[in-house]
Amino acid sequence: MSGAKRRTIRAPRKIPIKVGDRLYMWWKSRSPKEKEKLGESTCIRIAPITITELGVSCEDIGVKCHCLDLFAKCDGFNNWQELIEFFEKTHGLPFTGVLIEWDSIKSPF
């Protein structure tokens, strides 16, 4: 809600998101009664990403072991361990997908 989160990690899509695409931000998007639109933005970067228990491999991002907690926090997790547990449970490891970054969010109000 604060606009601090400016990226997400997603599994590959049938129709991939491209730089310049309009992105719609939702809170609880899969709960029809609780769903809330947070705003819209524009995709500014897409990069292939692989996540393993030992680290991250992402085009143009040099993530070193001491930066993994910061990497996880930038994606909305409390720390690296929480990120790893989520991806292992949700997708399995190693995870291969895309890192999607966006411009500032324009409020729907």
Protein backbone atom coordinates (compact mmCIF):
# COMPACT_ATOMS: atom_id res chain seq x y z
CA MET A 1 0.00 0.00 0.00
CA SER A 2 2.93 2.36 0.70
CA GLY A 3 4.38 1.88 -2.79
CA ALA A 4 7.64 0.56 -1.34
CA LYS A 5 7.32 -2.77 -3.17
CA ARG A 6 8.19 -2.22 -6.81
CA ARG A 7 8.69 -5.77 -8.05
CA THR A 8 7.39 -9.31 -7.93
CA ILE A 9 8.63 -12.76 -8.89
CA ARG A 10 6.27 -14.88 -10.97
CA ALA A 11 6.19 -18.19 -12.80
CA PRO A 12 6.31 -17.89 -16.61
CA ARG A 13 2.97 -16.98 -18.20
CA LYS A 14 1.37 -18.27 -21.38
CA ILE A 15 1.31 -14.65 -22.60
CA PRO A 16 4.43 -13.03 -21.08
CA ILE A 17 4.36 -9.54 -19.60
CA LYS A 18 6.54 -7.10 -21.58
CA VAL A 19 8.24 -3.82 -20.73
CA GLY A 20 5.70 -1.06 -21.28
CA ASP A 21 2.67 -3.21 -20.40
CA ARG A 22 0.06 -1.77 -18.04
CA LEU A 23 0.06 -3.63 -14.68
CA TYR A 24 -2.90 -3.75 -12.30
CA MET A 25 -2.15 -4.09 -8.59
CA TRP A 26 -4.65 -5.97 -6.42
CA TRP A 27 -4.92 -6.92 -2.74
CA LYS A 28 -6.40 -10.41 -2.21
CA SER A 29 -7.09 -10.78 -5.93
CA ARG A 30 -8.35 -14.36 -5.54
CA SER A 31 -10.97 -13.47 -2.89
CA PRO A 32 -13.92 -11.95 -4.76
CA LYS A 33 -15.50 -10.50 -1.61
CA GLU A 34 -12.23 -9.04 -0.24
CA LYS A 35 -10.54 -8.08 -3.53
CA GLU A 36 -9.32 -4.48 -3.61
CA LYS A 37 -7.63 -2.61 -6.45
CA LEU A 38 -4.49 -0.83 -5.20
CA GLY A 39 -3.66 0.96 -8.43
CA GLU A 40 -1.98 0.71 -11.81
CA SER A 41 1.56 1.01 -13.05
CA THR A 42 3.78 0.37 -16.06
CA CYS A 43 6.22 -2.52 -16.37
CA ILE A 44 9.76 -1.12 -16.59
CA ARG A 45 11.79 -4.35 -16.49
CA ILE A 46 11.49 -8.10 -16.97
CA ALA A 47 14.36 -10.44 -16.14
CA PRO A 48 14.65 -14.23 -16.03
CA ILE A 49 15.30 -15.45 -12.49
CA THR A 50 16.24 -18.72 -10.82
CA ILE A 51 15.93 -19.25 -7.07
CA THR A 52 17.64 -22.08 -5.19
CA GLU A 53 18.21 -22.63 -1.48
CA LEU A 54 21.69 -21.17 -1.96
CA GLY A 55 20.85 -17.97 -3.78
CA VAL A 56 19.42 -16.10 -6.73
CA SER A 57 20.54 -15.97 -10.32
CA CYS A 58 19.03 -13.03 -12.16
CA GLU A 59 20.12 -11.12 -15.24
CA ASP A 60 21.62 -7.73 -14.24
CA ILE A 61 21.31 -8.38 -10.49
CA GLY A 62 24.43 -9.25 -8.59
CA VAL A 63 23.06 -10.81 -5.40
CA LYS A 64 25.73 -11.94 -3.00
CA CYS A 65 25.11 -14.18 0.01
CA HIS A 66 25.05 -11.26 2.47
CA CYS A 67 22.38 -9.51 0.36
CA LEU A 68 19.82 -12.34 0.23
CA ASP A 69 17.77 -11.01 3.17
CA LEU A 70 17.62 -7.60 1.49
CA PHE A 71 16.58 -9.24 -1.79
CA ALA A 72 13.76 -11.08 0.03
CA LYS A 73 12.62 -7.89 1.81
CA CYS A 74 12.39 -6.04 -1.50
CA ASP A 75 9.90 -8.68 -2.61
CA GLY A 76 7.79 -8.38 0.55
CA PHE A 77 9.22 -11.21 2.65
CA ASN A 78 10.73 -10.76 6.11
CA ASN A 79 13.94 -12.59 5.21
CA TRP A 80 15.58 -15.06 2.83
CA GLN A 81 14.39 -18.13 4.78
CA GLU A 82 10.75 -17.01 4.48
CA LEU A 83 11.16 -16.45 0.72
CA ILE A 84 12.73 -19.90 0.27
CA GLU A 85 9.99 -21.61 2.30
CA PHE A 86 7.29 -19.89 0.21
CA PHE A 87 8.84 -20.80 -3.16
CA GLU A 88 9.62 -24.37 -2.10
CA LYS A 89 6.04 -24.92 -0.88
CA THR A 90 4.33 -23.05 -3.75
CA HIS A 91 6.50 -23.88 -6.78
CA GLY A 92 9.25 -26.25 -5.72
CA LEU A 93 12.98 -25.56 -5.89
CA PRO A 94 14.82 -24.69 -7.97
CA PHE A 95 12.29 -22.12 -9.16
CA THR A 96 12.67 -20.57 -12.61
CA GLY A 97 10.51 -17.61 -13.55
CA VAL A 98 10.62 -13.87 -14.14
CA LEU A 99 11.31 -10.81 -12.03
CA ILE A 100 8.82 -8.07 -12.92
CA GLU A 101 9.55 -4.47 -11.93
CA TRP A 102 7.21 -1.49 -12.25
CA ASP A 103 7.14 2.28 -12.08
CA SER A 104 5.36 4.13 -9.27
CA ILE A 105 1.77 3.06 -8.67
CA LYS A 106 -1.03 5.41 -9.62
CA SER A 107 -3.84 5.21 -7.05
CA PRO A 108 -7.31 4.23 -8.30
CA PHE A 109 -8.85 6.97 -6.14
